[in-house]
Every structure is written in structure tokens, then in C-alpha cells.
Amino acid sequence: MATNLIPGSNEWGANDVKTSGWLDDTDGVVHFHSEQDVGDIIRGNLEHKKEFAIQKNSAVGRFGEFCKVASIPNIVVDDLIRNGIWGDKKALKKWLNEAEQTPFRTTRTWL
């Protein structure tokens, strides 16, 4: 049975991530669970997509060499790091181009 909540856990951090930690009395293993409300990030990304489409279709139509293509929540970045995707440019591009990652994209362009 998991009891003994670790002091200081179960509070929202500065990066809007809440991490809870507890010690399992039966096997002595420490467990952690993190969560983040990603609604604001996803809504912001949708607005960026709209702005990008407007700018792309305007008279200027140029973005230079760089433009923002995604805004990824910290909780997702943590998972990408654990899975070895974050440090691998090719794997990250492939991950961002997947249909499931559309909410994190700020453009409709293919990477």
C-alpha cells in the first residue's frame, strides 16, 4: 500500500508541473507521478497556427531561415528525453510530423 507522501511533493512547480512522490510500504520503492495542464499551450499553438497561415498568405509570405514550429509542454519533453527522442533531430522531426502531435505544432507545414 502506498502511503508516506514525500514532503514537498504534490505541489505545483514554477513550470506548471505537479509531481507527487510516495514510498510504497510493501516493497520500499519510491514512486513519482507528474502531471501538467496543457490546455493553455494547446490553445496558444492553435492561435500561432492561425497567425502563421495569415502571414504565409500575406504579401510578405516569408519567414526567413527559422520559424517556430512547435510548443511542447514540459511533461511531454520529459517523456521525450526518457525515450531518447529529444536529443535526436531526426527522431524529433519524425515525432513532430506524426498526426497525434498536431496539438503541439504551431504550423501546418511538414518538417
Protein backbone atom coordinates (compact mmCIF):
# COMPACT_ATOMS: atom_id res chain seq x y z
CA MET A 1 0.00 0.00 0.00
CA ALA A 2 1.40 3.38 -0.99
CA THR A 3 1.44 5.80 1.89
CA ASN A 4 4.14 8.12 3.20
CA LEU A 5 3.86 11.04 0.79
CA ILE A 6 7.28 12.57 0.24
CA PRO A 7 7.48 16.09 1.79
CA GLY A 8 7.37 18.90 -0.77
CA SER A 9 5.79 16.75 -3.45
CA ASN A 10 2.21 17.17 -4.60
CA GLU A 11 2.66 20.92 -5.19
CA TRP A 12 2.57 22.84 -8.46
CA GLY A 13 6.04 23.94 -9.52
CA ALA A 14 7.05 27.12 -11.32
CA ASN A 15 6.81 25.33 -14.68
CA ASP A 16 3.18 24.29 -14.03
CA VAL A 17 4.18 20.69 -13.44
CA LYS A 18 2.88 18.90 -10.35
CA THR A 19 4.97 15.96 -9.20
CA SER A 20 3.80 13.65 -6.44
CA GLY A 21 6.15 11.21 -4.78
CA TRP A 22 5.41 8.45 -2.32
CA LEU A 23 7.07 5.50 -0.67
CA ASP A 24 5.40 2.13 -1.12
CA ASP A 25 5.30 0.46 2.30
CA THR A 26 5.11 -3.05 0.86
CA ASP A 27 8.32 -3.07 -1.20
CA GLY A 28 10.12 0.14 -0.12
CA VAL A 29 10.13 1.56 -3.66
CA VAL A 30 9.76 5.31 -4.22
CA HIS A 31 7.22 6.21 -6.94
CA PHE A 32 6.73 9.52 -8.74
CA HIS A 33 3.83 10.81 -10.81
CA SER A 34 3.93 14.08 -12.76
CA GLU A 35 1.06 15.96 -14.39
CA GLN A 36 0.61 19.25 -16.23
CA ASP A 37 -2.40 21.15 -17.53
CA VAL A 38 -1.52 21.58 -21.21
CA GLY A 39 -4.73 23.36 -22.25
CA ASP A 40 -3.17 26.84 -22.42
CA ILE A 41 -0.25 25.57 -24.50
CA ILE A 42 -2.55 23.81 -26.98
CA ARG A 43 -4.82 26.87 -27.28
CA GLY A 44 -1.75 29.06 -27.84
CA ASN A 45 -0.48 26.70 -30.53
CA LEU A 46 -3.82 26.93 -32.33
CA GLU A 47 -3.55 30.73 -32.33
CA HIS A 48 0.02 30.51 -33.68
CA LYS A 49 -1.22 28.23 -36.49
CA LYS A 50 -3.82 30.83 -37.45
CA GLU A 51 -1.24 33.65 -37.39
CA PHE A 52 1.22 31.56 -39.40
CA ALA A 53 -1.41 30.86 -42.07
CA ILE A 54 -2.31 34.55 -42.31
CA GLN A 55 1.33 35.61 -42.60
CA LYS A 56 2.13 32.88 -45.11
CA ASN A 57 -0.71 34.03 -47.36
CA SER A 58 0.09 37.73 -46.97
CA ALA A 59 2.09 39.86 -49.38
CA VAL A 60 5.27 39.18 -47.44
CA GLY A 61 4.92 35.39 -47.37
CA ARG A 62 8.44 34.84 -46.00
CA PHE A 63 9.75 33.69 -42.65
CA GLY A 64 13.48 33.67 -43.21
CA GLU A 65 15.52 30.65 -42.28
CA PHE A 66 13.84 29.97 -38.94
CA CYS A 67 10.29 29.94 -37.62
CA LYS A 68 8.65 28.45 -34.55
CA VAL A 69 7.16 25.06 -35.42
CA ALA A 70 6.09 23.71 -32.02
CA SER A 71 5.48 24.48 -28.39
CA ILE A 72 5.78 21.30 -26.35
CA PRO A 73 4.71 21.01 -22.69
CA ASN A 74 7.43 20.21 -20.15
CA ILE A 75 5.76 16.95 -19.17
CA VAL A 76 5.96 15.76 -22.79
CA VAL A 77 9.59 16.90 -23.11
CA ASP A 78 10.43 14.81 -20.03
CA ASP A 79 8.93 11.77 -21.76
CA LEU A 80 10.81 12.53 -24.99
CA ILE A 81 14.08 12.73 -23.04
CA ARG A 82 13.39 9.38 -21.32
CA ASN A 83 12.69 7.76 -24.70
CA GLY A 84 15.84 9.19 -26.36
CA ILE A 85 13.89 11.27 -28.88
CA TRP A 86 14.69 14.77 -27.56
CA GLY A 87 18.42 14.74 -28.40
CA ASP A 88 17.96 13.11 -31.82
CA LYS A 89 16.99 15.66 -34.52
CA LYS A 90 15.79 13.04 -36.98
CA ALA A 91 13.65 11.23 -34.39
CA LEU A 92 12.20 14.52 -33.09
CA LYS A 93 11.21 15.61 -36.62
CA LYS A 94 9.57 12.24 -37.21
CA TRP A 95 7.73 12.51 -33.87
CA LEU A 96 6.52 16.07 -34.61
CA ASN A 97 5.25 15.03 -38.06
CA GLU A 98 3.00 12.33 -36.57
CA ALA A 99 -0.71 13.15 -36.63
CA GLU A 100 -1.01 12.63 -32.86
CA GLN A 101 1.40 15.53 -32.23
CA THR A 102 -0.70 18.10 -34.15
CA PRO A 103 -1.77 19.90 -30.94
CA PHE A 104 1.88 20.72 -30.22
CA ARG A 105 2.58 22.15 -33.70
CA THR A 106 2.42 25.90 -34.37
CA THR A 107 2.40 25.49 -38.17
CA ARG A 108 0.72 23.15 -40.62
CA THR A 109 3.97 22.68 -42.55
CA TRP A 110 5.81 19.37 -42.86
CA LEU A 111 9.23 19.24 -41.19
